[in-house]
Amino acid sequence: MQKILILWVLSILFSSCYAYKPFTDQPQNVVLGTKYHFDLNNGKEMTKRIDSVGADAYYYSKGKRLEAVPFSEVKKLEQGSFSLGRTIGFSALVAVGIAVIASIVYVVAGLS
């Protein structure tokens, strides 16, 4: 039972759901330090925290160096925001799941 409680607490602590909304404004108007989801022209996707914006690219930190994503490579850009509702919903779903599993284990152990 103690392991189940630890699992439940860790699930709630480490669950954070982000919602991404399309960003259609000028590149210079991005909010620095915010997560953005990039859909690139070559079919790749990535989520990065933008540190700065240059004349022709977004810049993000990768280790101790800055990496660039040129504006011309970005097909779609979405701004991330923390979703309290999704986080609470996911945490509640995990809690219900753990309670159901714990109940089943308790009943099965009681029948033996």
Protein backbone atom coordinates (compact mmCIF):
# COMPACT_ATOMS: atom_id res chain seq x y z
CA MET A 1 0.00 0.00 0.00
CA GLN A 2 2.91 2.32 0.75
CA LYS A 3 4.28 1.82 -2.78
CA ILE A 4 0.90 2.72 -4.26
CA LEU A 5 0.78 5.90 -2.18
CA ILE A 6 4.30 6.85 -3.30
CA LEU A 7 3.35 6.19 -6.94
CA TRP A 8 0.25 8.38 -6.59
CA VAL A 9 2.18 11.26 -5.01
CA LEU A 10 4.91 11.12 -7.66
CA SER A 11 2.33 11.00 -10.45
CA ILE A 12 0.70 14.16 -9.19
CA LEU A 13 4.00 15.96 -8.57
CA PHE A 14 5.42 15.23 -12.01
CA SER A 15 2.28 15.65 -14.08
CA SER A 16 2.06 18.97 -15.83
CA CYS A 17 0.01 19.38 -18.93
CA TYR A 18 0.72 22.07 -21.45
CA ALA A 19 -1.79 23.37 -23.97
CA TYR A 20 -0.43 24.79 -27.22
CA LYS A 21 -2.19 27.61 -29.07
CA PRO A 22 -1.29 28.74 -32.59
CA PHE A 23 1.06 31.74 -32.59
CA THR A 24 0.27 33.97 -35.56
CA ASP A 25 1.94 37.20 -34.42
CA GLN A 26 5.25 38.60 -35.67
CA PRO A 27 8.34 36.57 -34.66
CA GLN A 28 9.70 39.50 -32.65
CA ASN A 29 6.62 39.34 -30.38
CA VAL A 30 7.31 35.89 -28.91
CA VAL A 31 7.47 35.72 -25.12
CA LEU A 32 11.07 34.88 -24.25
CA GLY A 33 11.48 31.98 -21.84
CA THR A 34 8.19 30.39 -22.94
CA LYS A 35 7.86 26.93 -24.50
CA TYR A 36 6.91 26.84 -28.18
CA HIS A 37 6.05 23.87 -30.37
CA PHE A 38 7.62 24.03 -33.84
CA ASP A 39 6.33 22.18 -36.92
CA LEU A 40 9.15 22.40 -39.44
CA ASN A 41 9.02 22.28 -43.24
CA ASN A 42 11.02 19.01 -43.29
CA GLY A 43 8.29 17.23 -41.27
CA LYS A 44 10.08 17.31 -37.92
CA GLU A 45 8.49 18.62 -34.73
CA MET A 46 10.14 19.96 -31.61
CA THR A 47 9.28 21.81 -28.44
CA LYS A 48 11.81 24.38 -27.24
CA ARG A 49 12.00 27.27 -24.80
CA ILE A 50 12.90 30.36 -26.86
CA ASP A 51 15.73 32.39 -25.32
CA SER A 52 16.06 35.11 -27.97
CA VAL A 53 14.90 36.18 -31.40
CA GLY A 54 17.27 37.39 -34.09
CA ALA A 55 16.67 39.04 -37.43
CA ASP A 56 16.11 35.70 -39.16
CA ALA A 57 15.81 32.96 -36.49
CA TYR A 58 14.56 31.85 -33.09
CA TYR A 59 17.32 30.87 -30.64
CA TYR A 60 17.17 28.30 -27.84
CA SER A 61 19.76 26.84 -25.47
CA LYS A 62 21.10 23.36 -26.04
CA GLY A 63 23.54 22.66 -23.26
CA LYS A 64 25.89 25.64 -23.09
CA ARG A 65 25.40 26.79 -26.67
CA LEU A 66 22.64 28.50 -28.60
CA GLU A 67 20.90 26.70 -31.46
CA ALA A 68 18.88 28.46 -34.14
CA VAL A 69 15.63 27.70 -35.92
CA PRO A 70 15.39 29.91 -39.02
CA PHE A 71 12.02 31.56 -39.63
CA SER A 72 12.03 30.08 -43.14
CA GLU A 73 12.11 26.53 -41.69
CA VAL A 74 9.04 27.01 -39.47
CA LYS A 75 5.76 25.85 -40.98
CA LYS A 76 3.68 26.31 -37.81
CA LEU A 77 4.46 27.75 -34.38
CA GLU A 78 2.36 27.16 -31.26
CA GLN A 79 2.79 28.90 -27.91
CA GLY A 80 2.67 26.69 -24.83
CA SER A 81 0.83 27.57 -21.67
CA PHE A 82 0.40 25.59 -18.48
CA SER A 83 -3.09 24.09 -18.27
CA LEU A 84 -4.25 23.77 -14.68
CA GLY A 85 -7.45 22.00 -15.76
CA ARG A 86 -5.60 19.31 -17.70
CA THR A 87 -3.13 18.81 -14.86
CA ILE A 88 -5.89 18.42 -12.26
CA GLY A 89 -7.87 16.15 -14.59
CA PHE A 90 -4.88 13.91 -15.26
CA SER A 91 -4.00 13.77 -11.56
CA ALA A 92 -7.59 12.84 -10.68
CA LEU A 93 -7.60 10.12 -13.33
CA VAL A 94 -4.36 8.69 -11.93
CA ALA A 95 -5.77 8.81 -8.39
CA VAL A 96 -8.95 6.96 -9.43
CA GLY A 97 -6.91 4.37 -11.31
CA ILE A 98 -4.66 3.75 -8.33
CA ALA A 99 -7.68 3.50 -6.00
CA VAL A 100 -9.33 0.93 -8.30
CA ILE A 101 -6.14 -1.15 -8.53
CA ALA A 102 -5.63 -0.95 -4.75
CA SER A 103 -9.24 -2.07 -4.18
CA ILE A 104 -8.84 -5.03 -6.53
CA VAL A 105 -5.60 -6.07 -4.84
CA TYR A 106 -7.24 -5.74 -1.42
CA VAL A 107 -10.25 -7.86 -2.43
CA VAL A 108 -8.13 -10.54 -4.10
CA ALA A 109 -5.76 -10.68 -1.11
CA GLY A 110 -8.76 -10.98 1.23
CA LEU A 111 -10.19 -13.92 -0.74
CA SER A 112 -7.00 -15.97 -0.48
